[in-house]
Amino acid sequence: MSFTVLIPARLASTRLPYKPLADIHGAPMVVRVAQRAMLSKARHTVVAADSVEIVEKCSAFGVAAVLTRIDHATGSDRLAEACAQLGLADEDIVVNVQGDEPLIDPALIDAVAQLLADRPECAMSTAAHGIEQLPDFLNPNVVKVILDASGCALYFSRAPVPFAREFSGHAWWHAGGALPKPLRHVGIYGYRAGFLRRFPTMPPAPMEQLESLEQLRALWHGHRIAVHISHAAPAPGVDTPEDLERARRLYALAAARRRG
């Protein structure tokens, strides 16, 4: 299996300005993400940036980057342009790793890529893991996914789904562990480059706009999304200043352990 990791990065961020360039133990966050991705089995790892500043910072750390247009509406649009710039063939597999995941497990990247390679009938792949806490199940910022019998996504939602009628909607915490856990969606995606180039041209789906979940566009248009189930929750991303400080502490701790 051969695949490329693409990491979309843009300077604009409402909660954390200049987030891709935020320092994490001596390197910009987007570089730390790329370094983690480079530990996977990817053939290439490339940052798709919206500014010369990001490209130059990546280059200074030996990370490949391409400059994309600043006016892309979504990360998928940015990655589609990057695919064109890199000349990827339609059947080439691309894994989209978010630019705010400096602690991502390289094995998760490999698993998402391998799943898509193993499922030629699917246009995309992604990941999920079991939800352990009721507050997470009820949290609209925690996206849930429901699967079919073949392990493909039936639906993604911010709502607590599936709703368990006989247990007031909270079956997994009232049935003594007899039912499978609901699944939390993990925001990593595998695509074939040809599909990724077509995706931004597809009309948005009504449910996509309602839930504000772009992956629902693929389901709306009849494309299948294979889902890898991870046994452990993924490392947390960076959305807030508090998240950034946590990532800095973890990197500093890891560096101290290597020295010791």
Protein backbone atom coordinates (compact mmCIF):
# COMPACT_ATOMS: atom_id res chain seq x y z
CA MET A 1 0.00 0.00 0.00
CA SER A 2 1.20 3.50 -0.88
CA PHE A 3 -0.44 6.71 0.23
CA THR A 4 0.15 10.43 0.74
CA VAL A 5 -0.66 12.44 3.86
CA LEU A 6 -1.98 15.94 3.22
CA ILE A 7 -2.24 18.41 6.09
CA PRO A 8 -4.40 21.50 5.46
CA ALA A 9 -3.17 24.60 7.28
CA ARG A 10 -4.54 28.14 7.33
CA LEU A 11 -3.57 31.09 9.48
CA ALA A 12 -7.10 32.26 10.27
CA SER A 13 -8.52 30.86 13.51
CA THR A 14 -11.18 32.45 15.66
CA ARG A 15 -10.17 30.81 18.93
CA LEU A 16 -6.40 30.53 18.41
CA PRO A 17 -4.94 33.06 15.93
CA TYR A 18 -1.96 31.82 13.86
CA LYS A 19 -2.59 28.33 15.21
CA PRO A 20 -0.46 26.42 12.66
CA LEU A 21 2.59 28.46 13.71
CA ALA A 22 2.05 28.18 17.46
CA ASP A 23 5.28 26.97 19.05
CA ILE A 24 5.33 23.49 20.54
CA HIS A 25 8.67 22.74 22.15
CA GLY A 26 10.71 24.59 19.54
CA ALA A 27 8.74 23.92 16.36
CA PRO A 28 5.49 25.21 14.84
CA MET A 29 2.43 23.08 15.50
CA VAL A 30 1.92 22.21 11.82
CA VAL A 31 5.51 20.94 11.72
CA ARG A 32 4.85 18.77 14.77
CA VAL A 33 1.78 17.33 13.00
CA ALA A 34 3.86 16.60 9.90
CA GLN A 35 6.59 14.98 11.97
CA ARG A 36 4.04 12.63 13.53
CA ALA A 37 2.60 11.84 10.10
CA MET A 38 6.10 11.13 8.77
CA LEU A 39 6.34 8.30 11.31
CA SER A 40 3.49 6.55 9.48
CA LYS A 41 3.94 4.43 6.36
CA ALA A 42 3.04 7.33 4.08
CA ARG A 43 5.11 7.72 0.93
CA HIS A 44 4.88 11.52 1.19
CA THR A 45 3.70 13.98 3.83
CA VAL A 46 2.80 17.44 2.50
CA VAL A 47 1.33 20.52 4.16
CA ALA A 48 -1.27 22.36 2.05
CA ALA A 49 -0.90 25.94 3.28
CA ASP A 50 -2.71 29.19 2.61
CA SER A 51 0.27 31.46 3.28
CA VAL A 52 3.90 31.84 2.29
CA GLU A 53 4.77 32.12 5.97
CA ILE A 54 3.56 28.57 6.69
CA VAL A 55 5.38 27.21 3.64
CA GLU A 56 8.62 28.89 4.70
CA LYS A 57 8.35 27.63 8.28
CA CYS A 58 7.75 24.09 7.04
CA SER A 59 10.72 24.31 4.67
CA ALA A 60 12.98 25.45 7.52
CA PHE A 61 12.17 22.18 9.33
CA GLY A 62 12.48 19.95 6.25
CA VAL A 63 8.72 19.50 5.81
CA ALA A 64 7.29 19.58 2.29
CA ALA A 65 4.55 22.16 1.69
CA VAL A 66 2.57 23.60 -1.21
CA LEU A 67 0.97 27.04 -1.35
CA THR A 68 -2.77 26.96 -2.06
CA ARG A 69 -5.33 29.71 -2.56
CA ILE A 70 -6.35 31.72 0.47
CA ASP A 71 -10.07 31.76 -0.38
CA HIS A 72 -10.90 28.05 -0.05
CA ALA A 73 -14.13 27.53 1.87
CA THR A 74 -13.14 24.17 3.38
CA GLY A 75 -10.16 21.96 4.02
CA SER A 76 -11.40 19.59 1.32
CA ASP A 77 -11.19 22.37 -1.25
CA ARG A 78 -7.62 23.08 -0.17
CA LEU A 79 -6.66 19.42 -0.40
CA ALA A 80 -8.24 19.10 -3.84
CA GLU A 81 -5.99 21.89 -5.09
CA ALA A 82 -2.99 20.25 -3.44
CA CYS A 83 -3.79 16.96 -5.23
CA ALA A 84 -3.76 18.81 -8.54
CA GLN A 85 -0.47 20.54 -7.74
CA LEU A 86 1.15 17.25 -6.75
CA GLY A 87 -0.15 15.47 -9.85
CA LEU A 88 -1.69 12.61 -7.91
CA ALA A 89 -3.45 9.94 -9.97
CA ASP A 90 -7.17 9.30 -9.46
CA GLU A 91 -6.57 6.02 -7.61
CA ASP A 92 -3.84 7.36 -5.31
CA ILE A 93 -4.86 7.25 -1.65
CA VAL A 94 -4.70 10.47 0.35
CA VAL A 95 -5.10 10.73 4.11
CA ASN A 96 -6.26 14.08 5.45
CA VAL A 97 -4.61 14.73 8.82
CA GLN A 98 -5.85 17.88 10.51
CA GLY A 99 -3.25 20.57 11.13
CA ASP A 100 -4.10 20.82 14.83
CA GLU A 101 -3.31 17.20 15.77
CA PRO A 102 0.33 17.33 16.99
CA LEU A 103 -0.15 14.19 19.08
CA ILE A 104 -1.77 12.00 16.42
CA ASP A 105 -0.85 8.32 16.45
CA PRO A 106 0.93 7.33 13.21
CA ALA A 107 -0.69 3.89 13.48
CA LEU A 108 -4.12 5.51 13.16
CA ILE A 109 -3.04 7.16 9.90
CA ASP A 110 -1.87 3.79 8.58
CA ALA A 111 -5.12 2.11 9.62
CA VAL A 112 -7.31 4.65 7.80
CA ALA A 113 -5.20 4.35 4.64
CA GLN A 114 -5.18 0.54 4.76
CA LEU A 115 -8.93 0.39 5.27
CA LEU A 116 -9.58 2.39 2.11
CA ALA A 117 -7.12 0.24 0.17
CA ASP A 118 -9.00 -2.85 1.39
CA ARG A 119 -12.44 -1.45 0.51
CA PRO A 120 -12.43 -0.54 -3.20
CA GLU A 121 -16.22 -0.05 -3.12
CA CYS A 122 -15.80 2.87 -0.70
CA ALA A 123 -14.96 6.43 -1.69
CA MET A 124 -13.69 7.42 1.76
CA SER A 125 -12.47 6.02 5.05
CA THR A 126 -12.41 7.48 8.54
CA ALA A 127 -12.19 6.38 12.18
CA ALA A 128 -14.24 6.12 15.37
CA HIS A 129 -13.97 4.79 18.91
CA GLY A 130 -16.39 3.83 21.66
CA ILE A 131 -17.75 6.61 23.86
CA GLU A 132 -17.06 5.95 27.54
CA GLN A 133 -18.81 8.86 29.26
CA LEU A 134 -22.42 9.98 29.12
CA PRO A 135 -21.53 13.72 28.93
CA ASP A 136 -19.58 13.00 25.73
CA PHE A 137 -22.57 11.19 24.25
CA LEU A 138 -24.78 14.20 24.98
CA ASN A 139 -22.23 16.82 23.85
CA PRO A 140 -23.08 18.29 20.39
CA ASN A 141 -19.38 19.01 19.84
CA VAL A 142 -18.73 15.26 19.98
CA VAL A 143 -19.79 13.88 16.60
CA LYS A 144 -21.37 10.44 16.65
CA VAL A 145 -21.38 7.89 13.81
CA ILE A 146 -23.73 4.95 13.19
CA LEU A 147 -22.48 2.00 11.13
CA ASP A 148 -24.09 -0.60 8.92
CA ALA A 149 -23.35 -4.33 9.06
CA SER A 150 -20.32 -3.96 6.79
CA GLY A 151 -18.65 -1.29 8.91
CA CYS A 152 -19.62 1.66 6.72
CA ALA A 153 -21.17 4.87 7.98
CA LEU A 154 -24.93 5.17 7.87
CA TYR A 155 -25.02 8.64 9.40
CA PHE A 156 -22.98 11.19 11.35
CA SER A 157 -24.68 13.45 13.88
CA ARG A 158 -24.10 15.88 16.70
CA ALA A 159 -27.18 14.46 18.38
CA PRO A 160 -26.96 11.54 20.86
CA VAL A 161 -27.63 8.75 18.37
CA PRO A 162 -28.73 6.07 18.11
CA PHE A 163 -31.57 6.98 20.45
CA ALA A 164 -32.56 4.10 22.72
CA ARG A 165 -36.30 4.37 23.27
CA GLU A 166 -36.48 1.79 26.06
CA PHE A 167 -33.77 3.47 28.14
CA SER A 168 -34.67 7.16 27.86
CA GLY A 169 -32.02 7.62 25.21
CA HIS A 170 -29.10 6.56 27.39
CA ALA A 171 -29.06 2.80 26.93
CA TRP A 172 -25.31 2.39 27.18
CA TRP A 173 -25.31 3.70 30.75
CA HIS A 174 -28.46 1.92 31.92
CA ALA A 175 -28.23 -1.54 30.38
CA GLY A 176 -25.29 -2.88 32.36
CA GLY A 177 -22.96 -3.01 29.39
CA ALA A 178 -25.22 -5.38 27.44
CA LEU A 179 -25.36 -3.09 24.41
CA PRO A 180 -22.48 -1.90 22.22
CA LYS A 181 -21.11 1.54 22.98
CA PRO A 182 -22.05 4.46 20.76
CA LEU A 183 -19.22 5.61 18.52
CA ARG A 184 -17.44 8.93 18.51
CA HIS A 185 -16.25 10.03 15.09
CA VAL A 186 -12.55 10.88 14.76
CA GLY A 187 -11.78 13.63 12.26
CA ILE A 188 -9.29 11.87 10.01
CA TYR A 189 -10.21 10.93 6.43
CA GLY A 190 -8.88 8.75 3.67
CA TYR A 191 -9.82 9.52 0.05
CA ARG A 192 -8.88 8.47 -3.41
CA ALA A 193 -7.43 11.54 -5.10
CA GLY A 194 -9.95 11.45 -7.95
CA PHE A 195 -12.86 11.51 -5.51
CA LEU A 196 -11.23 14.24 -3.45
CA ARG A 197 -10.95 16.40 -6.56
CA ARG A 198 -14.65 15.86 -7.33
CA PHE A 199 -15.90 16.31 -3.78
CA PRO A 200 -15.86 20.14 -3.67
CA THR A 201 -17.92 20.25 -6.89
CA MET A 202 -20.78 18.22 -5.36
CA PRO A 203 -23.75 20.30 -4.18
CA PRO A 204 -23.89 20.55 -0.36
CA ALA A 205 -26.43 18.25 1.28
CA PRO A 206 -29.31 19.66 3.34
CA MET A 207 -28.31 17.49 6.31
CA GLU A 208 -24.69 18.63 5.91
CA GLN A 209 -25.78 22.24 6.28
CA LEU A 210 -28.07 21.41 9.20
CA GLU A 211 -25.48 19.44 11.17
CA SER A 212 -22.46 21.41 9.89
CA LEU A 213 -20.72 18.12 9.02
CA GLU A 214 -19.10 18.08 5.61
CA GLN A 215 -18.75 14.28 5.43
CA LEU A 216 -22.54 14.00 5.17
CA ARG A 217 -22.24 15.33 1.61
CA ALA A 218 -20.59 12.08 0.55
CA LEU A 219 -23.40 9.98 2.06
CA TRP A 220 -26.07 12.23 0.56
CA HIS A 221 -24.66 11.63 -2.90
CA GLY A 222 -24.52 7.86 -2.43
CA HIS A 223 -20.84 7.35 -1.64
CA ARG A 224 -19.76 4.89 1.03
CA ILE A 225 -17.46 5.71 3.94
CA ALA A 226 -15.62 2.82 5.62
CA VAL A 227 -14.97 3.31 9.35
CA HIS A 228 -11.98 1.99 11.29
CA ILE A 229 -12.79 1.30 14.94
CA SER A 230 -9.97 2.29 17.27
CA HIS A 231 -9.75 0.56 20.63
CA ALA A 232 -8.44 3.71 22.31
CA ALA A 233 -9.48 7.32 22.14
CA PRO A 234 -7.17 9.40 19.94
CA ALA A 235 -4.84 11.98 21.42
CA PRO A 236 -6.55 15.35 21.89
CA GLY A 237 -6.23 18.05 19.25
CA VAL A 238 -5.56 21.74 19.78
CA ASP A 239 -8.57 24.06 19.62
CA THR A 240 -8.00 26.40 22.54
CA PRO A 241 -5.08 28.04 24.41
CA GLU A 242 -5.57 25.42 27.13
CA ASP A 243 -5.20 22.62 24.57
CA LEU A 244 -2.01 24.26 23.29
CA GLU A 245 -0.49 24.41 26.76
CA ARG A 246 -1.32 20.73 27.29
CA ALA A 247 0.42 19.79 24.03
CA ARG A 248 3.46 21.82 25.04
CA ARG A 249 3.65 20.04 28.38
CA LEU A 250 3.37 16.62 26.76
CA TYR A 251 6.11 17.39 24.23
CA ALA A 252 8.38 18.74 26.98
CA LEU A 253 7.74 15.63 29.07
CA ALA A 254 8.52 13.35 26.14
CA ALA A 255 11.77 15.25 25.47
CA ALA A 256 12.78 14.94 29.12
CA ARG A 257 12.17 11.20 29.03
CA ARG A 258 14.35 10.82 25.94
CA ARG A 259 17.16 12.71 27.64
CA GLY A 260 16.79 10.66 30.83
